[in-house]
């Protein structure tokens, strides 16, 4: 198990502070005894107990996830750490106090009551410290599992949304192709070739939930060329992607339903047709994606526009980015609509 040394250092500092508190409390109950030896004994005993338990727990495979050995291994580690800390810490602290002359009358001569008190304090402090670190490790483990479960739920939700989205686009395209076969077989053949290329690119990228903006715009171009065959000169489109944003990752098929909505509900009902402009840009530290059309505009207020495609885009953005992304759909002055998506701009 990989050791988090930052967390380990934080634990050690907490143990040192706890040892000073124990020494101060002990001095408060026995003010006739010098404060210095209490601090030395407490620091060495507590530090060794911590080192044996907190560093030793990483040697057990069962602690890889929970951060703590399971069963008798965990109990044995605690008991062994407390015993080792007391015996080794007491020995080192005694020798230091003798060497530096910190005992008031030379070498210490503690009675049996003093030894029992020292053992009791060591046991209680060791158990209290162990329980504290076990609790925070358990809490971190549970939070990590909750985060993983939330991430898996979001991934499953995105996969479901994408599974709903792809057939939606496919059925609309097939319906357009079926209508064109009876009126213009040559254009239908061209449309079929474009649709095969579009589906091949879509299926190749279906293994990932994200792809580059370049891939997103390439698929939009295939789709718009499909629609241009059906609508002829009634449809004019422009895709504007700055080179520096071409490799920026975005959710796969994010703009497809928006462009499809612009054509079906904006340009197709309009006798003269119109234009579709898809663009990407940087703005205030965000990636801004826009789809603008000159169609007839929505038949209802923007806040009530809850079509299938728009709903999928909103839900995918919420699942992937939460409140860090925004979706804005508005009517254009003079006709048409504008959809603006703002995403976090990644390095």
C-alpha atoms as a PDB file:
ATOM      1  CA  UNK A   1       0.000   0.000   0.000  1.00  0.00           C
ATOM      2  CA  UNK A   2       1.381   3.413  -0.946  1.00  0.00           C
ATOM      3  CA  UNK A   3       1.973   5.636   2.090  1.00  0.00           C
ATOM      4  CA  UNK A   4       0.662   9.177   2.067  1.00  0.00           C
ATOM      5  CA  UNK A   5       3.625  10.917   3.693  1.00  0.00           C
ATOM      6  CA  UNK A   6       1.815  14.232   4.036  1.00  0.00           C
ATOM      7  CA  UNK A   7      -0.941  12.557   6.042  1.00  0.00           C
ATOM      8  CA  UNK A   8       1.675  10.624   8.028  1.00  0.00           C
ATOM      9  CA  UNK A   9       3.486  13.842   8.962  1.00  0.00           C
ATOM     10  CA  UNK A  10       0.171  15.400   9.983  1.00  0.00           C
ATOM     11  CA  UNK A  11      -0.562  12.376  12.191  1.00  0.00           C
ATOM     12  CA  UNK A  12       2.860  12.631  13.843  1.00  0.00           C
ATOM     13  CA  UNK A  13       2.336  16.313  14.668  1.00  0.00           C
ATOM     14  CA  UNK A  14      -1.058  15.488  16.140  1.00  0.00           C
ATOM     15  CA  UNK A  15       0.531  12.766  18.283  1.00  0.00           C
ATOM     16  CA  UNK A  16       3.217  15.133  19.559  1.00  0.00           C
ATOM     17  CA  UNK A  17       0.567  17.667  20.544  1.00  0.00           C
ATOM     18  CA  UNK A  18      -1.456  14.918  22.239  1.00  0.00           C
ATOM     19  CA  UNK A  19       1.640  13.785  24.185  1.00  0.00           C
ATOM     20  CA  UNK A  20       2.215  17.314  25.458  1.00  0.00           C
ATOM     21  CA  UNK A  21      -1.405  17.447  26.612  1.00  0.00           C
ATOM     22  CA  UNK A  22      -1.010  14.124  28.460  1.00  0.00           C
ATOM     23  CA  UNK A  23       2.192  15.322  30.142  1.00  0.00           C
ATOM     24  CA  UNK A  24       0.512  18.567  31.204  1.00  0.00           C
ATOM     25  CA  UNK A  25      -2.510  16.734  32.647  1.00  0.00           C
ATOM     26  CA  UNK A  26      -0.233  14.330  34.510  1.00  0.00           C
ATOM     27  CA  UNK A  27       1.712  17.260  35.951  1.00  0.00           C
ATOM     28  CA  UNK A  28      -1.562  18.858  37.022  1.00  0.00           C
ATOM     29  CA  UNK A  29      -2.415  15.801  39.125  1.00  0.00           C
ATOM     30  CA  UNK A  30       1.150  15.445  40.460  1.00  0.00           C
ATOM     31  CA  UNK A  31       2.598  18.968  40.740  1.00  0.00           C
ATOM     32  CA  UNK A  32       5.212  17.755  43.226  1.00  0.00           C
ATOM     33  CA  UNK A  33       6.991  15.898  40.414  1.00  0.00           C
ATOM     34  CA  UNK A  34       9.060  17.875  37.845  1.00  0.00           C
ATOM     35  CA  UNK A  35       7.369  18.724  34.537  1.00  0.00           C
ATOM     36  CA  UNK A  36      10.386  18.016  32.278  1.00  0.00           C
ATOM     37  CA  UNK A  37      10.571  14.224  32.777  1.00  0.00           C
ATOM     38  CA  UNK A  38       6.823  13.955  32.212  1.00  0.00           C
ATOM     39  CA  UNK A  39       7.254  15.601  28.799  1.00  0.00           C
ATOM     40  CA  UNK A  40      10.202  13.365  27.847  1.00  0.00           C
ATOM     41  CA  UNK A  41       8.442  10.142  28.851  1.00  0.00           C
ATOM     42  CA  UNK A  42       5.201  11.166  27.180  1.00  0.00           C
ATOM     43  CA  UNK A  43       6.864  12.184  23.895  1.00  0.00           C
ATOM     44  CA  UNK A  44       8.974   9.061  23.522  1.00  0.00           C
ATOM     45  CA  UNK A  45       6.278   6.604  24.588  1.00  0.00           C
ATOM     46  CA  UNK A  46       3.587   8.256  22.432  1.00  0.00           C
ATOM     47  CA  UNK A  47       5.810   8.672  19.376  1.00  0.00           C
ATOM     48  CA  UNK A  48       6.941   5.038  19.409  1.00  0.00           C
ATOM     49  CA  UNK A  49       3.370   3.799  19.854  1.00  0.00           C
ATOM     50  CA  UNK A  50       2.277   5.950  16.917  1.00  0.00           C
ATOM     51  CA  UNK A  51       5.196   4.810  14.723  1.00  0.00           C
ATOM     52  CA  UNK A  52       4.540   1.119  15.356  1.00  0.00           C
ATOM     53  CA  UNK A  53       0.783   1.375  14.751  1.00  0.00           C
ATOM     54  CA  UNK A  54       0.449   4.056  12.057  1.00  0.00           C
ATOM     55  CA  UNK A  55       3.422   2.885   9.973  1.00  0.00           C
ATOM     56  CA  UNK A  56       2.985  -0.796  10.745  1.00  0.00           C
ATOM     57  CA  UNK A  57      -0.628  -0.906   9.546  1.00  0.00           C
ATOM     58  CA  UNK A  58       0.568  -0.420   5.965  1.00  0.00           C
ATOM     59  CA  UNK A  59       2.310  -3.814   6.120  1.00  0.00           C
ATOM     60  CA  UNK A  60      -1.029  -5.637   6.229  1.00  0.00           C
ATOM     61  CA  UNK A  61      -2.784  -6.277   2.857  1.00  0.00           C
ATOM     62  CA  UNK A  62      -6.191  -5.913   4.482  1.00  0.00           C
ATOM     63  CA  UNK A  63      -5.521  -2.210   5.086  1.00  0.00           C
ATOM     64  CA  UNK A  64      -5.213  -1.380   1.361  1.00  0.00           C
ATOM     65  CA  UNK A  65      -8.767  -0.020   1.184  1.00  0.00           C
ATOM     66  CA  UNK A  66      -9.913   0.677   4.733  1.00  0.00           C
ATOM     67  CA  UNK A  67      -6.544   1.948   5.961  1.00  0.00           C
ATOM     68  CA  UNK A  68      -6.696  -0.437   8.928  1.00  0.00           C
ATOM     69  CA  UNK A  69      -5.929  -4.165   9.387  1.00  0.00           C
ATOM     70  CA  UNK A  70      -8.937  -6.370   9.951  1.00  0.00           C
ATOM     71  CA  UNK A  71      -9.670  -8.811  12.756  1.00  0.00           C
ATOM     72  CA  UNK A  72      -6.955 -10.033  15.101  1.00  0.00           C
ATOM     73  CA  UNK A  73      -4.237  -8.362  13.034  1.00  0.00           C
ATOM     74  CA  UNK A  74      -5.570  -4.937  13.947  1.00  0.00           C
ATOM     75  CA  UNK A  75      -5.961  -5.838  17.626  1.00  0.00           C
ATOM     76  CA  UNK A  76      -2.482  -7.374  17.761  1.00  0.00           C
ATOM     77  CA  UNK A  77      -0.970  -4.304  16.129  1.00  0.00           C
ATOM     78  CA  UNK A  78      -2.515  -2.013  18.749  1.00  0.00           C
ATOM     79  CA  UNK A  79      -1.461  -4.167  21.712  1.00  0.00           C
ATOM     80  CA  UNK A  80       2.021  -4.659  20.292  1.00  0.00           C
ATOM     81  CA  UNK A  81       2.386  -0.941  19.619  1.00  0.00           C
ATOM     82  CA  UNK A  82       1.358   0.035  23.145  1.00  0.00           C
ATOM     83  CA  UNK A  83       3.667  -2.559  24.771  1.00  0.00           C
ATOM     84  CA  UNK A  84       6.612  -1.659  22.518  1.00  0.00           C
ATOM     85  CA  UNK A  85       6.005   2.045  23.046  1.00  0.00           C
ATOM     86  CA  UNK A  86       5.921   1.719  26.809  1.00  0.00           C
ATOM     87  CA  UNK A  87       8.966  -0.519  27.185  1.00  0.00           C
ATOM     88  CA  UNK A  88      11.168   1.152  24.586  1.00  0.00           C
ATOM     89  CA  UNK A  89       9.964   4.690  25.281  1.00  0.00           C
ATOM     90  CA  UNK A  90      10.419   4.326  29.035  1.00  0.00           C
ATOM     91  CA  UNK A  91      13.922   2.938  28.583  1.00  0.00           C
ATOM     92  CA  UNK A  92      15.044   5.757  26.283  1.00  0.00           C
ATOM     93  CA  UNK A  93      13.387   8.480  28.371  1.00  0.00           C
ATOM     94  CA  UNK A  94      14.961   7.142  31.602  1.00  0.00           C
ATOM     95  CA  UNK A  95      18.443   7.105  30.123  1.00  0.00           C
ATOM     96  CA  UNK A  96      18.035  10.648  28.771  1.00  0.00           C
ATOM     97  CA  UNK A  97      16.780  11.989  32.106  1.00  0.00           C
ATOM     98  CA  UNK A  98      19.662  10.357  33.949  1.00  0.00           C
ATOM     99  CA  UNK A  99      22.221  11.593  31.430  1.00  0.00           C
ATOM    100  CA  UNK A 100      21.051  15.197  31.547  1.00  0.00           C
ATOM    101  CA  UNK A 101      20.292  15.147  35.274  1.00  0.00           C
ATOM    102  CA  UNK A 102      16.613  15.981  34.948  1.00  0.00           C
ATOM    103  CA  UNK A 103      15.632  13.946  37.988  1.00  0.00           C
ATOM    104  CA  UNK A 104      15.691  16.003  41.167  1.00  0.00           C
ATOM    105  CA  UNK A 105      17.733  13.485  43.173  1.00  0.00           C
ATOM    106  CA  UNK A 106      19.744  11.726  40.468  1.00  0.00           C
ATOM    107  CA  UNK A 107      18.509   8.363  39.269  1.00  0.00           C
ATOM    108  CA  UNK A 108      14.803   7.730  39.486  1.00  0.00           C
ATOM    109  CA  UNK A 109      13.374   5.358  42.012  1.00  0.00           C
ATOM    110  CA  UNK A 110       9.666   5.108  41.284  1.00  0.00           C
ATOM    111  CA  UNK A 111       7.481   3.000  43.530  1.00  0.00           C
ATOM    112  CA  UNK A 112       4.993   0.378  42.387  1.00  0.00           C
ATOM    113  CA  UNK A 113       2.112   2.868  42.433  1.00  0.00           C
ATOM    114  CA  UNK A 114       4.010   5.153  40.089  1.00  0.00           C
ATOM    115  CA  UNK A 115       4.666   2.276  37.662  1.00  0.00           C
ATOM    116  CA  UNK A 116       1.010   1.256  37.731  1.00  0.00           C
ATOM    117  CA  UNK A 117      -0.072   4.840  37.072  1.00  0.00           C
ATOM    118  CA  UNK A 118       2.381   5.144  34.211  1.00  0.00           C
ATOM    119  CA  UNK A 119       1.184   1.885  32.644  1.00  0.00           C
ATOM    120  CA  UNK A 120      -2.462   2.906  33.031  1.00  0.00           C
ATOM    121  CA  UNK A 121      -1.876   6.314  31.433  1.00  0.00           C
ATOM    122  CA  UNK A 122       0.048   4.718  28.562  1.00  0.00           C
ATOM    123  CA  UNK A 123      -2.702   2.174  27.924  1.00  0.00           C
ATOM    124  CA  UNK A 124      -5.538   4.688  28.029  1.00  0.00           C
ATOM    125  CA  UNK A 125      -3.682   7.240  25.895  1.00  0.00           C
ATOM    126  CA  UNK A 126      -2.677   4.569  23.363  1.00  0.00           C
ATOM    127  CA  UNK A 127      -6.247   3.303  23.055  1.00  0.00           C
ATOM    128  CA  UNK A 128      -7.644   6.835  22.764  1.00  0.00           C
ATOM    129  CA  UNK A 129      -5.113   7.807  20.081  1.00  0.00           C
ATOM    130  CA  UNK A 130      -5.674   4.577  18.165  1.00  0.00           C
ATOM    131  CA  UNK A 131      -9.432   5.052  18.221  1.00  0.00           C
ATOM    132  CA  UNK A 132      -9.031   8.612  16.937  1.00  0.00           C
ATOM    133  CA  UNK A 133      -6.863   7.610  13.982  1.00  0.00           C
ATOM    134  CA  UNK A 134      -9.050   4.574  13.263  1.00  0.00           C
ATOM    135  CA  UNK A 135     -12.107   6.848  13.144  1.00  0.00           C
ATOM    136  CA  UNK A 136     -10.593   9.358  10.726  1.00  0.00           C
ATOM    137  CA  UNK A 137      -9.288   6.537   8.477  1.00  0.00           C
ATOM    138  CA  UNK A 138     -12.698   4.887   8.506  1.00  0.00           C
ATOM    139  CA  UNK A 139     -14.363   8.208   7.684  1.00  0.00           C
ATOM    140  CA  UNK A 140     -11.948   8.820   4.797  1.00  0.00           C
ATOM    141  CA  UNK A 141     -12.597   5.289   3.503  1.00  0.00           C
ATOM    142  CA  UNK A 142     -16.362   5.770   3.593  1.00  0.00           C
ATOM    143  CA  UNK A 143     -16.107   9.173   1.887  1.00  0.00           C
ATOM    144  CA  UNK A 144     -13.880   7.658  -0.802  1.00  0.00           C
ATOM    145  CA  UNK A 145     -16.379   4.856  -1.394  1.00  0.00           C
ATOM    146  CA  UNK A 146     -19.233   7.349  -1.576  1.00  0.00           C
ATOM    147  CA  UNK A 147     -17.272   9.347  -4.146  1.00  0.00           C
ATOM    148  CA  UNK A 148     -16.601   6.222  -6.201  1.00  0.00           C
ATOM    149  CA  UNK A 149     -20.262   5.231  -6.046  1.00  0.00           C
ATOM    150  CA  UNK A 150     -21.291   8.730  -7.123  1.00  0.00           C
ATOM    151  CA  UNK A 151     -18.798   8.624 -10.001  1.00  0.00           C
ATOM    152  CA  UNK A 152     -20.031   5.203 -11.128  1.00  0.00           C
ATOM    153  CA  UNK A 153     -23.628   6.424 -10.943  1.00  0.00           C
ATOM    154  CA  UNK A 154     -22.757   9.431 -13.094  1.00  0.00           C
ATOM    155  CA  UNK A 155     -20.988   7.206 -15.624  1.00  0.00           C
ATOM    156  CA  UNK A 156     -23.969   4.858 -15.774  1.00  0.00           C
ATOM    157  CA  UNK A 157     -26.302   7.820 -16.174  1.00  0.00           C
ATOM    158  CA  UNK A 158     -24.191   9.241 -19.003  1.00  0.00           C
ATOM    159  CA  UNK A 159     -24.112   5.885 -20.772  1.00  0.00           C
ATOM    160  CA  UNK A 160     -27.906   5.700 -20.511  1.00  0.00           C
ATOM    161  CA  UNK A 161     -28.290   9.219 -21.874  1.00  0.00           C
ATOM    162  CA  UNK A 162     -25.948   8.473 -24.767  1.00  0.00           C
ATOM    163  CA  UNK A 163     -27.819   5.255 -25.512  1.00  0.00           C
ATOM    164  CA  UNK A 164     -31.013   7.319 -25.740  1.00  0.00           C
ATOM    165  CA  UNK A 165     -29.371  10.046 -27.797  1.00  0.00           C
ATOM    166  CA  UNK A 166     -27.743   8.004 -30.580  1.00  0.00           C
ATOM    167  CA  UNK A 167     -30.922   6.184 -31.750  1.00  0.00           C
ATOM    168  CA  UNK A 168     -32.780   9.492 -31.677  1.00  0.00           C
ATOM    169  CA  UNK A 169     -30.383  10.982 -34.226  1.00  0.00           C
ATOM    170  CA  UNK A 170     -30.282   7.775 -36.280  1.00  0.00           C
ATOM    171  CA  UNK A 171     -34.056   7.439 -36.629  1.00  0.00           C
ATOM    172  CA  UNK A 172     -34.438  11.045 -37.769  1.00  0.00           C
ATOM    173  CA  UNK A 173     -31.710  10.610 -40.377  1.00  0.00           C
ATOM    174  CA  UNK A 174     -33.245   7.367 -41.686  1.00  0.00           C
ATOM    175  CA  UNK A 175     -36.627   9.073 -41.954  1.00  0.00           C
ATOM    176  CA  UNK A 176     -35.039  11.833 -44.035  1.00  0.00           C
ATOM    177  CA  UNK A 177     -33.292   9.252 -46.221  1.00  0.00           C
ATOM    178  CA  UNK A 178     -36.508   7.316 -46.789  1.00  0.00           C
ATOM    179  CA  UNK A 179     -38.281  10.472 -47.968  1.00  0.00           C
ATOM    180  CA  UNK A 180     -35.440  11.294 -50.339  1.00  0.00           C
ATOM    181  CA  UNK A 181     -35.202   7.858 -51.980  1.00  0.00           C
ATOM    182  CA  UNK A 182     -38.509   8.303 -53.781  1.00  0.00           C
ATOM    183  CA  UNK A 183     -37.745  11.811 -55.071  1.00  0.00           C
ATOM    184  CA  UNK A 184     -34.016  11.870 -55.845  1.00  0.00           C
ATOM    185  CA  UNK A 185     -32.167   8.506 -55.809  1.00  0.00           C
ATOM    186  CA  UNK A 186     -28.774  10.052 -56.639  1.00  0.00           C
ATOM    187  CA  UNK A 187     -28.909  12.447 -53.710  1.00  0.00           C
ATOM    188  CA  UNK A 188     -30.197   9.592 -51.570  1.00  0.00           C
ATOM    189  CA  UNK A 189     -27.067   7.608 -52.471  1.00  0.00           C
ATOM    190  CA  UNK A 190     -24.854  10.537 -51.482  1.00  0.00           C
ATOM    191  CA  UNK A 191     -26.798  10.900 -48.253  1.00  0.00           C
ATOM    192  CA  UNK A 192     -26.410   7.204 -47.513  1.00  0.00           C
ATOM    193  CA  UNK A 193     -22.632   7.390 -48.031  1.00  0.00           C
ATOM    194  CA  UNK A 194     -22.394  10.351 -45.673  1.00  0.00           C
ATOM    195  CA  UNK A 195     -24.546   8.599 -43.097  1.00  0.00           C
ATOM    196  CA  UNK A 196     -22.301   5.516 -43.202  1.00  0.00           C
ATOM    197  CA  UNK A 197     -19.231   7.703 -42.650  1.00  0.00           C
ATOM    198  CA  UNK A 198     -20.976   9.535 -39.810  1.00  0.00           C
ATOM    199  CA  UNK A 199     -22.069   6.311 -38.088  1.00  0.00           C
ATOM    200  CA  UNK A 200     -18.616   4.788 -38.445  1.00  0.00           C
ATOM    201  CA  UNK A 201     -17.028   7.792 -36.760  1.00  0.00           C
ATOM    202  CA  UNK A 202     -19.714   7.777 -34.047  1.00  0.00           C
ATOM    203  CA  UNK A 203     -19.290   4.075 -33.266  1.00  0.00           C
ATOM    204  CA  UNK A 204     -15.481   4.384 -33.188  1.00  0.00           C
ATOM    205  CA  UNK A 205     -15.776   7.103 -30.561  1.00  0.00           C
ATOM    206  CA  UNK A 206     -18.517   5.435 -28.495  1.00  0.00           C
ATOM    207  CA  UNK A 207     -16.032   3.766 -26.133  1.00  0.00           C
ATOM    208  CA  UNK A 208     -15.324   7.085 -24.411  1.00  0.00           C
ATOM    209  CA  UNK A 209     -17.691   9.605 -22.850  1.00  0.00           C
ATOM    210  CA  UNK A 210     -15.513  12.469 -24.104  1.00  0.00           C
ATOM    211  CA  UNK A 211     -13.568  13.331 -27.233  1.00  0.00           C
ATOM    212  CA  UNK A 212     -11.855  16.382 -28.704  1.00  0.00           C
ATOM    213  CA  UNK A 213     -13.617  19.432 -30.073  1.00  0.00           C
ATOM    214  CA  UNK A 214     -12.109  18.584 -33.453  1.00  0.00           C
ATOM    215  CA  UNK A 215     -13.892  15.212 -33.420  1.00  0.00           C
ATOM    216  CA  UNK A 216     -17.120  16.905 -32.312  1.00  0.00           C
ATOM    217  CA  UNK A 217     -16.950  19.426 -35.171  1.00  0.00           C
ATOM    218  CA  UNK A 218     -16.058  16.696 -37.691  1.00  0.00           C
ATOM    219  CA  UNK A 219     -19.204  14.798 -36.764  1.00  0.00           C
ATOM    220  CA  UNK A 220     -21.271  17.981 -36.958  1.00  0.00           C
ATOM    221  CA  UNK A 221     -19.900  18.588 -40.442  1.00  0.00           C
ATOM    222  CA  UNK A 222     -20.934  15.068 -41.533  1.00  0.00           C
ATOM    223  CA  UNK A 223     -24.416  15.601 -40.126  1.00  0.00           C
ATOM    224  CA  UNK A 224     -24.862  19.047 -41.669  1.00  0.00           C
ATOM    225  CA  UNK A 225     -23.718  17.756 -45.041  1.00  0.00           C
ATOM    226  CA  UNK A 226     -26.354  15.045 -44.718  1.00  0.00           C
ATOM    227  CA  UNK A 227     -28.982  17.671 -44.078  1.00  0.00           C
ATOM    228  CA  UNK A 228     -27.643  19.887 -46.877  1.00  0.00           C
ATOM    229  CA  UNK A 229     -28.279  17.103 -49.372  1.00  0.00           C
ATOM    230  CA  UNK A 230     -31.900  16.922 -48.275  1.00  0.00           C
ATOM    231  CA  UNK A 231     -32.548  20.669 -47.948  1.00  0.00           C
ATOM    232  CA  UNK A 232     -30.374  21.848 -50.827  1.00  0.00           C
ATOM    233  CA  UNK A 233     -29.735  25.620 -51.027  1.00  0.00           C
ATOM    234  CA  UNK A 234     -32.172  26.214 -48.143  1.00  0.00           C
ATOM    235  CA  UNK A 235     -29.406  25.243 -45.715  1.00  0.00           C
ATOM    236  CA  UNK A 236     -26.113  27.128 -45.281  1.00  0.00           C
ATOM    237  CA  UNK A 237     -23.800  26.320 -42.392  1.00  0.00           C
ATOM    238  CA  UNK A 238     -20.484  27.449 -40.977  1.00  0.00           C
ATOM    239  CA  UNK A 239     -18.296  25.738 -38.386  1.00  0.00           C
ATOM    240  CA  UNK A 240     -15.720  27.916 -36.629  1.00  0.00           C
ATOM    241  CA  UNK A 241     -13.173  26.131 -34.430  1.00  0.00           C
ATOM    242  CA  UNK A 242      -9.969  27.979 -33.407  1.00  0.00           C
ATOM    243  CA  UNK A 243      -6.907  25.711 -33.814  1.00  0.00           C
ATOM    244  CA  UNK A 244      -5.852  26.201 -30.186  1.00  0.00           C
ATOM    245  CA  UNK A 245      -9.151  24.671 -28.998  1.00  0.00           C
ATOM    246  CA  UNK A 246      -9.217  21.716 -31.407  1.00  0.00           C
ATOM    247  CA  UNK A 247      -7.837  19.224 -28.862  1.00  0.00           C
ATOM    248  CA  UNK A 248      -9.912  20.403 -25.906  1.00  0.00           C
ATOM    249  CA  UNK A 249     -12.006  17.495 -24.484  1.00  0.00           C
ATOM    250  CA  UNK A 250     -15.803  17.762 -24.499  1.00  0.00           C
ATOM    251  CA  UNK A 251     -18.638  15.256 -23.936  1.00  0.00           C
ATOM    252  CA  UNK A 252     -19.193  13.161 -27.061  1.00  0.00           C
ATOM    253  CA  UNK A 253     -22.151  14.257 -29.249  1.00  0.00           C
ATOM    254  CA  UNK A 254     -22.776  17.282 -27.041  1.00  0.00           C
ATOM    255  CA  UNK A 255     -23.676  19.717 -29.854  1.00  0.00           C
ATOM    256  CA  UNK A 256     -25.349  17.195 -32.167  1.00  0.00           C
ATOM    257  CA  UNK A 257     -28.867  17.415 -30.633  1.00  0.00           C
ATOM    258  CA  UNK A 258     -28.659  21.223 -30.524  1.00  0.00           C
ATOM    259  CA  UNK A 259     -27.794  21.466 -34.226  1.00  0.00           C
ATOM    260  CA  UNK A 260     -30.472  18.914 -35.003  1.00  0.00           C
ATOM    261  CA  UNK A 261     -32.994  20.984 -33.030  1.00  0.00           C
ATOM    262  CA  UNK A 262     -32.023  24.109 -35.004  1.00  0.00           C
ATOM    263  CA  UNK A 263     -32.664  22.382 -38.313  1.00  0.00           C
ATOM    264  CA  UNK A 264     -35.836  20.502 -37.430  1.00  0.00           C
ATOM    265  CA  UNK A 265     -37.602  23.239 -35.478  1.00  0.00           C
ATOM    266  CA  UNK A 266     -35.932  26.315 -36.921  1.00  0.00           C
ATOM    267  CA  UNK A 267     -34.895  25.947 -40.559  1.00  0.00           C
ATOM    268  CA  UNK A 268     -37.097  23.171 -41.950  1.00  0.00           C
ATOM    269  CA  UNK A 269     -40.393  24.967 -41.154  1.00  0.00           C
ATOM    270  CA  UNK A 270     -39.033  28.129 -42.813  1.00  0.00           C
ATOM    271  CA  UNK A 271     -39.707  28.225 -46.573  1.00  0.00           C
ATOM    272  CA  UNK A 272     -36.529  30.162 -47.352  1.00  0.00           C
ATOM    273  CA  UNK A 273     -34.406  28.027 -45.011  1.00  0.00           C
ATOM    274  CA  UNK A 274     -31.570  29.763 -43.239  1.00  0.00           C
ATOM    275  CA  UNK A 275     -28.117  29.499 -41.704  1.00  0.00           C
ATOM    276  CA  UNK A 276     -26.545  27.551 -38.861  1.00  0.00           C
ATOM    277  CA  UNK A 277     -23.374  28.808 -37.219  1.00  0.00           C
ATOM    278  CA  UNK A 278     -21.479  26.624 -34.743  1.00  0.00           C
ATOM    279  CA  UNK A 279     -18.524  28.203 -32.960  1.00  0.00           C
ATOM    280  CA  UNK A 280     -16.128  27.720 -30.061  1.00  0.00           C
ATOM    281  CA  UNK A 281     -14.118  30.366 -28.215  1.00  0.00           C
ATOM    282  CA  UNK A 282     -12.368  31.217 -24.978  1.00  0.00           C
ATOM    283  CA  UNK A 283     -14.080  33.720 -22.740  1.00  0.00           C
ATOM    284  CA  UNK A 284     -13.302  34.664 -19.121  1.00  0.00           C
ATOM    285  CA  UNK A 285     -11.456  31.426 -18.451  1.00  0.00           C
ATOM    286  CA  UNK A 286     -14.238  29.264 -19.895  1.00  0.00           C
ATOM    287  CA  UNK A 287     -14.879  27.324 -23.070  1.00  0.00           C
ATOM    288  CA  UNK A 288     -17.930  28.818 -24.806  1.00  0.00           C
ATOM    289  CA  UNK A 289     -19.785  26.770 -27.434  1.00  0.00           C
ATOM    290  CA  UNK A 290     -22.558  28.417 -29.446  1.00  0.00           C
ATOM    291  CA  UNK A 291     -25.109  27.236 -31.973  1.00  0.00           C
ATOM    292  CA  UNK A 292     -26.934  30.072 -33.737  1.00  0.00           C
ATOM    293  CA  UNK A 293     -29.621  29.667 -36.395  1.00  0.00           C
ATOM    294  CA  UNK A 294     -31.803  32.024 -38.421  1.00  0.00           C
ATOM    295  CA  UNK A 295     -34.884  29.816 -38.388  1.00  0.00           C
ATOM    296  CA  UNK A 296     -38.408  30.524 -37.251  1.00  0.00           C
ATOM    297  CA  UNK A 297     -37.462  30.288 -33.568  1.00  0.00           C
ATOM    298  CA  UNK A 298     -39.197  28.204 -30.881  1.00  0.00           C
ATOM    299  CA  UNK A 299     -42.967  28.146 -30.653  1.00  0.00           C
ATOM    300  CA  UNK A 300     -42.818  28.557 -26.867  1.00  0.00           C
ATOM    301  CA  UNK A 301     -40.805  30.644 -24.400  1.00  0.00           C
ATOM    302  CA  UNK A 302     -37.175  29.494 -23.976  1.00  0.00           C
ATOM    303  CA  UNK A 303     -37.699  28.457 -20.362  1.00  0.00           C
ATOM    304  CA  UNK A 304     -40.429  26.047 -21.508  1.00  0.00           C
ATOM    305  CA  UNK A 305     -38.332  24.442 -24.252  1.00  0.00           C
ATOM    306  CA  UNK A 306     -37.854  20.919 -22.909  1.00  0.00           C
ATOM    307  CA  UNK A 307     -37.480  18.845 -26.073  1.00  0.00           C
ATOM    308  CA  UNK A 308     -35.680  15.520 -26.031  1.00  0.00           C
ATOM    309  CA  UNK A 309     -32.368  16.811 -27.361  1.00  0.00           C
ATOM    310  CA  UNK A 310     -32.238  19.863 -25.102  1.00  0.00           C
ATOM    311  CA  UNK A 311     -33.137  17.777 -22.042  1.00  0.00           C
ATOM    312  CA  UNK A 312     -30.343  15.307 -22.804  1.00  0.00           C
ATOM    313  CA  UNK A 313     -27.772  18.069 -23.128  1.00  0.00           C
ATOM    314  CA  UNK A 314     -28.825  19.679 -19.835  1.00  0.00           C
ATOM    315  CA  UNK A 315     -28.715  16.356 -17.984  1.00  0.00           C
ATOM    316  CA  UNK A 316     -25.345  15.365 -19.411  1.00  0.00           C
ATOM    317  CA  UNK A 317     -23.828  18.700 -18.433  1.00  0.00           C
ATOM    318  CA  UNK A 318     -25.248  18.396 -14.920  1.00  0.00           C
ATOM    319  CA  UNK A 319     -23.910  14.842 -14.548  1.00  0.00           C
ATOM    320  CA  UNK A 320     -20.421  15.707 -15.808  1.00  0.00           C
ATOM    321  CA  UNK A 321     -19.795  19.229 -14.499  1.00  0.00           C
ATOM    322  CA  UNK A 322     -22.458  19.994 -11.895  1.00  0.00           C
ATOM    323  CA  UNK A 323     -22.702  23.737 -11.334  1.00  0.00           C
ATOM    324  CA  UNK A 324     -19.444  24.398 -13.205  1.00  0.00           C
ATOM    325  CA  UNK A 325     -21.257  24.330 -16.553  1.00  0.00           C
ATOM    326  CA  UNK A 326     -24.169  26.398 -17.839  1.00  0.00           C
ATOM    327  CA  UNK A 327     -26.711  25.999 -20.633  1.00  0.00           C
ATOM    328  CA  UNK A 328     -28.580  28.967 -22.080  1.00  0.00           C
ATOM    329  CA  UNK A 329     -31.198  28.841 -24.838  1.00  0.00           C
ATOM    330  CA  UNK A 330     -32.661  32.107 -26.105  1.00  0.00           C
ATOM    331  CA  UNK A 331     -34.519  33.512 -29.104  1.00  0.00           C
ATOM    332  CA  UNK A 332     -32.732  35.819 -31.531  1.00  0.00           C
ATOM    333  CA  UNK A 333     -33.935  39.316 -32.227  1.00  0.00           C
ATOM    334  CA  UNK A 334     -35.466  39.121 -35.724  1.00  0.00           C
ATOM    335  CA  UNK A 335     -35.941  35.341 -35.656  1.00  0.00           C
ATOM    336  CA  UNK A 336     -33.959  32.214 -34.902  1.00  0.00           C
ATOM    337  CA  UNK A 337     -32.381  30.975 -31.693  1.00  0.00           C
ATOM    338  CA  UNK A 338     -29.045  30.950 -29.894  1.00  0.00           C
ATOM    339  CA  UNK A 339     -27.813  28.169 -27.627  1.00  0.00           C
ATOM    340  CA  UNK A 340     -24.772  28.901 -25.461  1.00  0.00           C
ATOM    341  CA  UNK A 341     -22.887  26.324 -23.416  1.00  0.00           C
ATOM    342  CA  UNK A 342     -20.130  27.310 -20.991  1.00  0.00           C
ATOM    343  CA  UNK A 343     -17.710  24.653 -19.736  1.00  0.00           C
ATOM    344  CA  UNK A 344     -14.606  24.755 -17.546  1.00  0.00           C
ATOM    345  CA  UNK A 345     -11.563  25.462 -19.707  1.00  0.00           C
ATOM    346  CA  UNK A 346      -9.063  22.661 -19.102  1.00  0.00           C
ATOM    347  CA  UNK A 347      -5.308  23.038 -19.548  1.00  0.00           C
END
